[in-house]
Amino acid sequence: FGSMFIALGFAVWLPNVKYSIYFRRVTAKQTTSAVEGVT
């Protein structure tokens, strides 16, 4: 039971995800090449 609170602390501490794998995924390579091409 005590270890569960430690796990909860790690879960809250995790960084947020900006893009999902399937729906809103944009890789860094795609973004960089797109910006360079338009600029």
All heavy atoms as atom14 arrays in JSON, in Angstrom:
{
  "sequence": "FGSMFIALGFAVWLPNVKYSIYFRRVTAKQTTSAVEGVT",
  "atom14_mask": [
    [1, 1, 1, 1, 1, 1, 1, 1, 1, 1, 1, 0, 0, 0],
    [1, 1, 1, 1, 0, 0, 0, 0, 0, 0, 0, 0, 0, 0],
    [1, 1, 1, 1, 1, 1, 0, 0, 0, 0, 0, 0, 0, 0],
    [1, 1, 1, 1, 1, 1, 1, 1, 0, 0, 0, 0, 0, 0],
    [1, 1, 1, 1, 1, 1, 1, 1, 1, 1, 1, 0, 0, 0],
    [1, 1, 1, 1, 1, 1, 1, 1, 0, 0, 0, 0, 0, 0],
    [1, 1, 1, 1, 1, 0, 0, 0, 0, 0, 0, 0, 0, 0],
    [1, 1, 1, 1, 1, 1, 1, 1, 0, 0, 0, 0, 0, 0],
    [1, 1, 1, 1, 0, 0, 0, 0, 0, 0, 0, 0, 0, 0],
    [1, 1, 1, 1, 1, 1, 1, 1, 1, 1, 1, 0, 0, 0],
    [1, 1, 1, 1, 1, 0, 0, 0, 0, 0, 0, 0, 0, 0],
    [1, 1, 1, 1, 1, 1, 1, 0, 0, 0, 0, 0, 0, 0],
    [1, 1, 1, 1, 1, 1, 1, 1, 1, 1, 1, 1, 1, 1],
    [1, 1, 1, 1, 1, 1, 1, 1, 0, 0, 0, 0, 0, 0],
    [1, 1, 1, 1, 1, 1, 1, 0, 0, 0, 0, 0, 0, 0],
    [1, 1, 1, 1, 1, 1, 1, 1, 0, 0, 0, 0, 0, 0],
    [1, 1, 1, 1, 1, 1, 1, 0, 0, 0, 0, 0, 0, 0],
    [1, 1, 1, 1, 1, 1, 1, 1, 1, 0, 0, 0, 0, 0],
    [1, 1, 1, 1, 1, 1, 1, 1, 1, 1, 1, 1, 0, 0],
    [1, 1, 1, 1, 1, 1, 0, 0, 0, 0, 0, 0, 0, 0],
    [1, 1, 1, 1, 1, 1, 1, 1, 0, 0, 0, 0, 0, 0],
    [1, 1, 1, 1, 1, 1, 1, 1, 1, 1, 1, 1, 0, 0],
    [1, 1, 1, 1, 1, 1, 1, 1, 1, 1, 1, 0, 0, 0],
    [1, 1, 1, 1, 1, 1, 1, 1, 1, 1, 1, 0, 0, 0],
    [1, 1, 1, 1, 1, 1, 1, 1, 1, 1, 1, 0, 0, 0],
    [1, 1, 1, 1, 1, 1, 1, 0, 0, 0, 0, 0, 0, 0],
    [1, 1, 1, 1, 1, 1, 1, 0, 0, 0, 0, 0, 0, 0],
    [1, 1, 1, 1, 1, 0, 0, 0, 0, 0, 0, 0, 0, 0],
    [1, 1, 1, 1, 1, 1, 1, 1, 1, 0, 0, 0, 0, 0],
    [1, 1, 1, 1, 1, 1, 1, 1, 1, 0, 0, 0, 0, 0],
    [1, 1, 1, 1, 1, 1, 1, 0, 0, 0, 0, 0, 0, 0],
    [1, 1, 1, 1, 1, 1, 1, 0, 0, 0, 0, 0, 0, 0],
    [1, 1, 1, 1, 1, 1, 0, 0, 0, 0, 0, 0, 0, 0],
    [1, 1, 1, 1, 1, 0, 0, 0, 0, 0, 0, 0, 0, 0],
    [1, 1, 1, 1, 1, 1, 1, 0, 0, 0, 0, 0, 0, 0],
    [1, 1, 1, 1, 1, 1, 1, 1, 1, 0, 0, 0, 0, 0],
    [1, 1, 1, 1, 0, 0, 0, 0, 0, 0, 0, 0, 0, 0],
    [1, 1, 1, 1, 1, 1, 1, 0, 0, 0, 0, 0, 0, 0],
    [1, 1, 1, 1, 1, 1, 1, 0, 0, 0, 0, 0, 0, 0]
  ],
  "atom14_positions": [
    [[0.83, -1.21, 0.0], [0.0, 0.0, 0.0], [0.87, 1.26, 0.0], [0.59, 2.23, -0.72], [-0.92, -0.02, 1.21], [-1.89, 1.11, 1.28], [-2.86, 1.28, 0.3], [-1.85, 2.03, 2.32], [-3.76, 2.33, 0.35], [-2.75, 3.08, 2.39], [-3.7, 3.23, 1.4], [0.0, 0.0, 0.0], [0.0, 0.0, 0.0], [0.0, 0.0, 0.0]],
    [[1.94, 1.25, 0.78], [2.84, 2.4, 0.78], [3.56, 2.58, -0.54], [3.77, 3.72, -1.0], [0.0, 0.0, 0.0], [0.0, 0.0, 0.0], [0.0, 0.0, 0.0], [0.0, 0.0, 0.0], [0.0, 0.0, 0.0], [0.0, 0.0, 0.0], [0.0, 0.0, 0.0], [0.0, 0.0, 0.0], [0.0, 0.0, 0.0], [0.0, 0.0, 0.0]],
    [[3.93, 1.48, -1.18], [4.63, 1.58, -2.47], [3.73, 2.16, -3.55], [4.22, 2.76, -4.52], [5.15, 0.21, -2.89], [4.07, -0.65, -3.24], [0.0, 0.0, 0.0], [0.0, 0.0, 0.0], [0.0, 0.0, 0.0], [0.0, 0.0, 0.0], [0.0, 0.0, 0.0], [0.0, 0.0, 0.0], [0.0, 0.0, 0.0], [0.0, 0.0, 0.0]],
    [[2.41, 2.01, -3.39], [1.49, 2.58, -4.37], [1.54, 4.1, -4.39], [1.41, 4.72, -5.45], [0.06, 2.11, -4.08], [-0.14, 0.6, -4.13], [0.42, -0.09, -5.7], [0.3, -1.83, -5.34], [0.0, 0.0, 0.0], [0.0, 0.0, 0.0], [0.0, 0.0, 0.0], [0.0, 0.0, 0.0], [0.0, 0.0, 0.0], [0.0, 0.0, 0.0]],
    [[1.74, 4.72, -3.24], [1.85, 6.17, -3.2], [3.15, 6.65, -3.85], [3.2, 7.72, -4.46], [1.75, 6.66, -1.75], [0.36, 6.59, -1.19], [-0.05, 5.48, -0.46], [-0.53, 7.62, -1.4], [-1.33, 5.41, 0.06], [-1.82, 7.57, -0.88], [-2.21, 6.46, -0.15], [0.0, 0.0, 0.0], [0.0, 0.0, 0.0], [0.0, 0.0, 0.0]],
    [[4.2, 5.85, -3.71], [5.44, 6.18, -4.41], [5.23, 6.11, -5.92], [5.69, 6.97, -6.67], [6.56, 5.22, -3.97], [6.81, 5.35, -2.47], [7.84, 5.48, -4.75], [7.83, 4.36, -1.93], [0.0, 0.0, 0.0], [0.0, 0.0, 0.0], [0.0, 0.0, 0.0], [0.0, 0.0, 0.0], [0.0, 0.0, 0.0], [0.0, 0.0, 0.0]],
    [[4.52, 5.08, -6.36], [4.22, 4.95, -7.79], [3.37, 6.11, -8.28], [3.57, 6.62, -9.39], [3.5, 3.62, -8.05], [0.0, 0.0, 0.0], [0.0, 0.0, 0.0], [0.0, 0.0, 0.0], [0.0, 0.0, 0.0], [0.0, 0.0, 0.0], [0.0, 0.0, 0.0], [0.0, 0.0, 0.0], [0.0, 0.0, 0.0], [0.0, 0.0, 0.0]],
    [[2.41, 6.55, -7.46], [1.58, 7.7, -7.83], [2.43, 8.95, -7.98], [2.23, 9.75, -8.9], [0.5, 7.92, -6.78], [-0.41, 9.14, -6.99], [-1.17, 9.04, -8.31], [-1.38, 9.3, -5.82], [0.0, 0.0, 0.0], [0.0, 0.0, 0.0], [0.0, 0.0, 0.0], [0.0, 0.0, 0.0], [0.0, 0.0, 0.0], [0.0, 0.0, 0.0]],
    [[3.41, 9.14, -7.09], [4.29, 10.29, -7.19], [5.08, 10.29, -8.48], [5.21, 11.32, -9.15], [0.0, 0.0, 0.0], [0.0, 0.0, 0.0], [0.0, 0.0, 0.0], [0.0, 0.0, 0.0], [0.0, 0.0, 0.0], [0.0, 0.0, 0.0], [0.0, 0.0, 0.0], [0.0, 0.0, 0.0], [0.0, 0.0, 0.0], [0.0, 0.0, 0.0]],
    [[5.6, 9.13, -8.87], [6.33, 9.03, -10.14], [5.4, 9.29, -11.33], [5.8, 9.91, -12.32], [6.96, 7.65, -10.27], [8.3, 7.53, -9.59], [8.43, 6.8, -8.42], [9.42, 8.14, -10.12], [9.65, 6.7, -7.77], [10.65, 8.04, -9.48], [10.77, 7.31, -8.31], [0.0, 0.0, 0.0], [0.0, 0.0, 0.0], [0.0, 0.0, 0.0]],
    [[4.17, 8.81, -11.25], [3.22, 9.0, -12.35], [2.89, 10.47, -12.55], [2.82, 10.97, -13.68], [1.94, 8.2, -12.08], [0.0, 0.0, 0.0], [0.0, 0.0, 0.0], [0.0, 0.0, 0.0], [0.0, 0.0, 0.0], [0.0, 0.0, 0.0], [0.0, 0.0, 0.0], [0.0, 0.0, 0.0], [0.0, 0.0, 0.0], [0.0, 0.0, 0.0]],
    [[2.69, 11.2, -11.45], [2.41, 12.64, -11.54], [3.63, 13.4, -12.04], [3.51, 14.39, -12.76], [1.96, 13.17, -10.17], [1.8, 14.69, -10.19], [0.64, 12.51, -9.75], [0.0, 0.0, 0.0], [0.0, 0.0, 0.0], [0.0, 0.0, 0.0], [0.0, 0.0, 0.0], [0.0, 0.0, 0.0], [0.0, 0.0, 0.0], [0.0, 0.0, 0.0]],
    [[4.81, 12.93, -11.7], [6.06, 13.6, -12.07], [6.42, 13.41, -13.54], [7.19, 14.2, -14.11], [7.18, 13.07, -11.17], [8.55, 13.56, -11.53], [9.08, 14.79, -11.3], [9.56, 12.8, -12.2], [10.38, 14.84, -11.78], [10.69, 13.63, -12.34], [9.62, 11.49, -12.7], [11.87, 13.21, -12.95], [10.8, 11.07, -13.31], [11.9, 11.93, -13.43]],
    [[5.88, 12.4, -14.19], [6.22, 12.13, -15.59], [5.91, 13.34, -16.48], [4.9, 14.01, -16.29], [5.42, 10.92, -16.1], [5.82, 9.54, -15.58], [4.81, 8.5, -16.05], [7.22, 9.17, -16.04], [0.0, 0.0, 0.0], [0.0, 0.0, 0.0], [0.0, 0.0, 0.0], [0.0, 0.0, 0.0], [0.0, 0.0, 0.0], [0.0, 0.0, 0.0]],
    [[6.76, 13.62, -17.47], [6.47, 14.73, -18.39], [5.26, 14.41, -19.27], [4.99, 13.24, -19.57], [7.75, 14.84, -19.22], [8.4, 13.5, -19.11], [8.06, 12.97, -17.75], [0.0, 0.0, 0.0], [0.0, 0.0, 0.0], [0.0, 0.0, 0.0], [0.0, 0.0, 0.0], [0.0, 0.0, 0.0], [0.0, 0.0, 0.0], [0.0, 0.0, 0.0]],
    [[4.56, 15.45, -19.67], [3.38, 15.27, -20.51], [3.78, 14.86, -21.92], [4.89, 15.13, -22.38], [2.56, 16.56, -20.57], [1.95, 16.91, -19.23], [1.48, 16.04, -18.51], [1.95, 18.19, -18.89], [0.0, 0.0, 0.0], [0.0, 0.0, 0.0], [0.0, 0.0, 0.0], [0.0, 0.0, 0.0], [0.0, 0.0, 0.0], [0.0, 0.0, 0.0]],
    [[2.86, 14.21, -22.6], [3.04, 13.83, -24.0], [2.32, 14.84, -24.88], [1.16, 15.16, -24.63], [2.5, 12.41, -24.25], [2.59, 12.05, -25.72], [3.26, 11.4, -23.41], [0.0, 0.0, 0.0], [0.0, 0.0, 0.0], [0.0, 0.0, 0.0], [0.0, 0.0, 0.0], [0.0, 0.0, 0.0], [0.0, 0.0, 0.0], [0.0, 0.0, 0.0]],
    [[3.01, 15.35, -25.89], [2.41, 16.37, -26.76], [1.63, 15.76, -27.93], [0.65, 16.33, -28.38], [3.51, 17.28, -27.31], [4.23, 18.09, -26.23], [5.28, 18.99, -26.83], [5.98, 19.81, -25.75], [7.04, 20.7, -26.32], [0.0, 0.0, 0.0], [0.0, 0.0, 0.0], [0.0, 0.0, 0.0], [0.0, 0.0, 0.0], [0.0, 0.0, 0.0]],
    [[2.09, 14.62, -28.41], [1.44, 14.01, -29.57], [1.21, 12.53, -29.31], [2.04, 11.86, -28.71], [2.31, 14.18, -30.83], [2.64, 15.6, -31.17], [3.89, 16.13, -30.89], [1.68, 16.43, -31.75], [4.19, 17.43, -31.19], [1.97, 17.75, -32.05], [3.23, 18.25, -31.77], [3.53, 19.55, -32.06], [0.0, 0.0, 0.0], [0.0, 0.0, 0.0]],
    [[0.09, 12.03, -29.77], [-0.2, 10.61, -29.64], [0.48, 9.84, -30.76], [0.92, 10.41, -31.76], [-1.71, 10.37, -29.68], [-2.23, 10.7, -30.94], [0.0, 0.0, 0.0], [0.0, 0.0, 0.0], [0.0, 0.0, 0.0], [0.0, 0.0, 0.0], [0.0, 0.0, 0.0], [0.0, 0.0, 0.0], [0.0, 0.0, 0.0], [0.0, 0.0, 0.0]],
    [[0.56, 8.54, -30.6], [1.23, 7.71, -31.59], [0.41, 7.6, -32.87], [0.94, 7.63, -33.97], [1.5, 6.31, -31.01], [2.5, 6.41, -29.85], [2.05, 5.38, -32.07], [2.78, 5.09, -29.18], [0.0, 0.0, 0.0], [0.0, 0.0, 0.0], [0.0, 0.0, 0.0], [0.0, 0.0, 0.0], [0.0, 0.0, 0.0], [0.0, 0.0, 0.0]],
    [[-0.9, 7.53, -32.74], [-1.74, 7.19, -33.88], [-2.45, 8.38, -34.51], [-2.64, 8.42, -35.72], [-2.78, 6.14, -33.47], [-2.16, 4.88, -32.96], [-2.21, 4.56, -31.6], [-1.51, 3.99, -33.81], [-1.63, 3.4, -31.11], [-0.93, 2.83, -33.33], [-1.0, 2.53, -31.99], [-0.43, 1.39, -31.51], [0.0, 0.0, 0.0], [0.0, 0.0, 0.0]],
    [[-2.85, 9.38, -33.72], [-3.72, 10.41, -34.25], [-3.03, 11.74, -34.51], [-3.22, 12.36, -35.53], [-4.9, 10.64, -33.3], [-5.76, 9.43, -33.14], [-5.89, 8.83, -31.89], [-6.42, 8.88, -34.21], [-6.68, 7.7, -31.74], [-7.2, 7.76, -34.07], [-7.34, 7.16, -32.83], [0.0, 0.0, 0.0], [0.0, 0.0, 0.0], [0.0, 0.0, 0.0]],
    [[-2.2, 12.22, -33.59], [-1.62, 13.55, -33.74], [-0.1, 13.5, -33.73], [0.57, 14.41, -33.31], [-2.11, 14.47, -32.62], [-3.59, 14.73, -32.66], [-3.99, 15.72, -31.58], [-3.86, 15.16, -30.26], [-4.8, 14.41, -29.68], [-5.92, 14.15, -30.31], [-4.62, 13.94, -28.46], [0.0, 0.0, 0.0], [0.0, 0.0, 0.0], [0.0, 0.0, 0.0]],
    [[0.44, 12.41, -34.23], [1.89, 12.2, -34.18], [2.58, 13.01, -35.27], [2.27, 12.88, -36.45], [2.2, 10.72, -34.37], [3.68, 10.4, -34.38], [4.27, 10.5, -32.99], [5.62, 9.95, -32.94], [6.35, 9.93, -31.86], [5.88, 10.42, -30.74], [7.56, 9.43, -31.88], [0.0, 0.0, 0.0], [0.0, 0.0, 0.0], [0.0, 0.0, 0.0]],
    [[3.52, 13.87, -34.91], [4.38, 14.59, -35.86], [5.79, 14.44, -35.35], [6.13, 14.93, -34.28], [4.01, 16.08, -35.96], [4.95, 16.79, -36.94], [2.58, 16.24, -36.41], [0.0, 0.0, 0.0], [0.0, 0.0, 0.0], [0.0, 0.0, 0.0], [0.0, 0.0, 0.0], [0.0, 0.0, 0.0], [0.0, 0.0, 0.0], [0.0, 0.0, 0.0]],
    [[6.65, 13.75, -36.09], [8.0, 13.52, -35.64], [8.84, 14.78, -35.79], [8.51, 15.69, -36.55], [8.66, 12.39, -36.45], [8.74, 12.8, -37.82], [7.84, 11.12, -36.36], [0.0, 0.0, 0.0], [0.0, 0.0, 0.0], [0.0, 0.0, 0.0], [0.0, 0.0, 0.0], [0.0, 0.0, 0.0], [0.0, 0.0, 0.0], [0.0, 0.0, 0.0]],
    [[9.93, 14.83, -35.05], [10.81, 15.99, -35.1], [11.41, 16.16, -36.48], [11.6, 17.28, -36.96], [11.91, 15.85, -34.06], [0.0, 0.0, 0.0], [0.0, 0.0, 0.0], [0.0, 0.0, 0.0], [0.0, 0.0, 0.0], [0.0, 0.0, 0.0], [0.0, 0.0, 0.0], [0.0, 0.0, 0.0], [0.0, 0.0, 0.0], [0.0, 0.0, 0.0]],
    [[11.71, 15.05, -37.16], [12.3, 15.13, -38.49], [11.33, 15.73, -39.48], [11.69, 16.55, -40.33], [12.72, 13.72, -38.94], [13.45, 13.71, -40.27], [13.92, 12.29, -40.6], [14.65, 12.26, -41.93], [15.1, 10.9, -42.27], [0.0, 0.0, 0.0], [0.0, 0.0, 0.0], [0.0, 0.0, 0.0], [0.0, 0.0, 0.0], [0.0, 0.0, 0.0]],
    [[10.05, 15.33, -39.4], [9.05, 15.89, -40.3], [8.86, 17.38, -40.05], [8.78, 18.17, -40.99], [7.7, 15.16, -40.09], [7.68, 13.76, -40.65], [6.36, 13.09, -40.33], [5.82, 13.21, -39.23], [5.82, 12.37, -41.29], [0.0, 0.0, 0.0], [0.0, 0.0, 0.0], [0.0, 0.0, 0.0], [0.0, 0.0, 0.0], [0.0, 0.0, 0.0]],
    [[8.82, 17.78, -38.79], [8.61, 19.18, -38.46], [9.77, 20.04, -38.94], [9.58, 21.1, -39.52], [8.44, 19.34, -36.94], [7.36, 18.5, -36.51], [8.13, 20.78, -36.59], [0.0, 0.0, 0.0], [0.0, 0.0, 0.0], [0.0, 0.0, 0.0], [0.0, 0.0, 0.0], [0.0, 0.0, 0.0], [0.0, 0.0, 0.0], [0.0, 0.0, 0.0]],
    [[11.01, 19.56, -38.74], [12.18, 20.33, -39.14], [12.24, 20.52, -40.64], [12.46, 21.62, -41.14], [13.46, 19.63, -38.65], [13.39, 19.47, -37.23], [14.69, 20.44, -39.02], [0.0, 0.0, 0.0], [0.0, 0.0, 0.0], [0.0, 0.0, 0.0], [0.0, 0.0, 0.0], [0.0, 0.0, 0.0], [0.0, 0.0, 0.0], [0.0, 0.0, 0.0]],
    [[12.04, 19.44, -41.4], [12.1, 19.54, -42.85], [10.98, 20.4, -43.4], [11.16, 21.15, -44.37], [12.03, 18.14, -43.48], [10.82, 17.5, -43.13], [0.0, 0.0, 0.0], [0.0, 0.0, 0.0], [0.0, 0.0, 0.0], [0.0, 0.0, 0.0], [0.0, 0.0, 0.0], [0.0, 0.0, 0.0], [0.0, 0.0, 0.0], [0.0, 0.0, 0.0]],
    [[9.8, 20.34, -42.75], [8.68, 21.13, -43.22], [8.93, 22.62, -43.0], [8.67, 23.45, -43.87], [7.4, 20.71, -42.5], [0.0, 0.0, 0.0], [0.0, 0.0, 0.0], [0.0, 0.0, 0.0], [0.0, 0.0, 0.0], [0.0, 0.0, 0.0], [0.0, 0.0, 0.0], [0.0, 0.0, 0.0], [0.0, 0.0, 0.0], [0.0, 0.0, 0.0]],
    [[9.46, 22.97, -41.83], [9.74, 24.38, -41.52], [10.82, 24.91, -42.45], [10.73, 26.03, -42.95], [10.15, 24.53, -40.04], [10.65, 25.94, -39.77], [8.99, 24.2, -39.14], [0.0, 0.0, 0.0], [0.0, 0.0, 0.0], [0.0, 0.0, 0.0], [0.0, 0.0, 0.0], [0.0, 0.0, 0.0], [0.0, 0.0, 0.0], [0.0, 0.0, 0.0]],
    [[11.88, 24.11, -42.69], [12.93, 24.56, -43.57], [12.43, 24.77, -44.99], [12.78, 25.74, -45.67], [14.07, 23.53, -43.57], [14.85, 23.5, -42.26], [15.92, 22.43, -42.28], [15.95, 21.66, -43.27], [16.73, 22.37, -41.33], [0.0, 0.0, 0.0], [0.0, 0.0, 0.0], [0.0, 0.0, 0.0], [0.0, 0.0, 0.0], [0.0, 0.0, 0.0]],
    [[11.56, 23.84, -45.45], [11.05, 23.96, -46.81], [10.19, 25.19, -47.0], [10.27, 25.87, -48.03], [0.0, 0.0, 0.0], [0.0, 0.0, 0.0], [0.0, 0.0, 0.0], [0.0, 0.0, 0.0], [0.0, 0.0, 0.0], [0.0, 0.0, 0.0], [0.0, 0.0, 0.0], [0.0, 0.0, 0.0], [0.0, 0.0, 0.0], [0.0, 0.0, 0.0]],
    [[9.36, 25.51, -46.01], [8.48, 26.66, -46.13], [9.25, 27.96, -45.94], [9.03, 28.94, -46.63], [7.33, 26.56, -45.1], [6.48, 27.8, -45.13], [6.48, 25.33, -45.39], [0.0, 0.0, 0.0], [0.0, 0.0, 0.0], [0.0, 0.0, 0.0], [0.0, 0.0, 0.0], [0.0, 0.0, 0.0], [0.0, 0.0, 0.0], [0.0, 0.0, 0.0]],
    [[10.21, 27.97, -45.01], [10.96, 29.18, -44.73], [11.83, 29.59, -45.9], [12.0, 30.78, -46.19], [11.84, 28.97, -43.47], [11.02, 28.55, -42.4], [12.55, 30.27, -43.09], [0.0, 0.0, 0.0], [0.0, 0.0, 0.0], [0.0, 0.0, 0.0], [0.0, 0.0, 0.0], [0.0, 0.0, 0.0], [0.0, 0.0, 0.0], [0.0, 0.0, 0.0]]
  ]
}
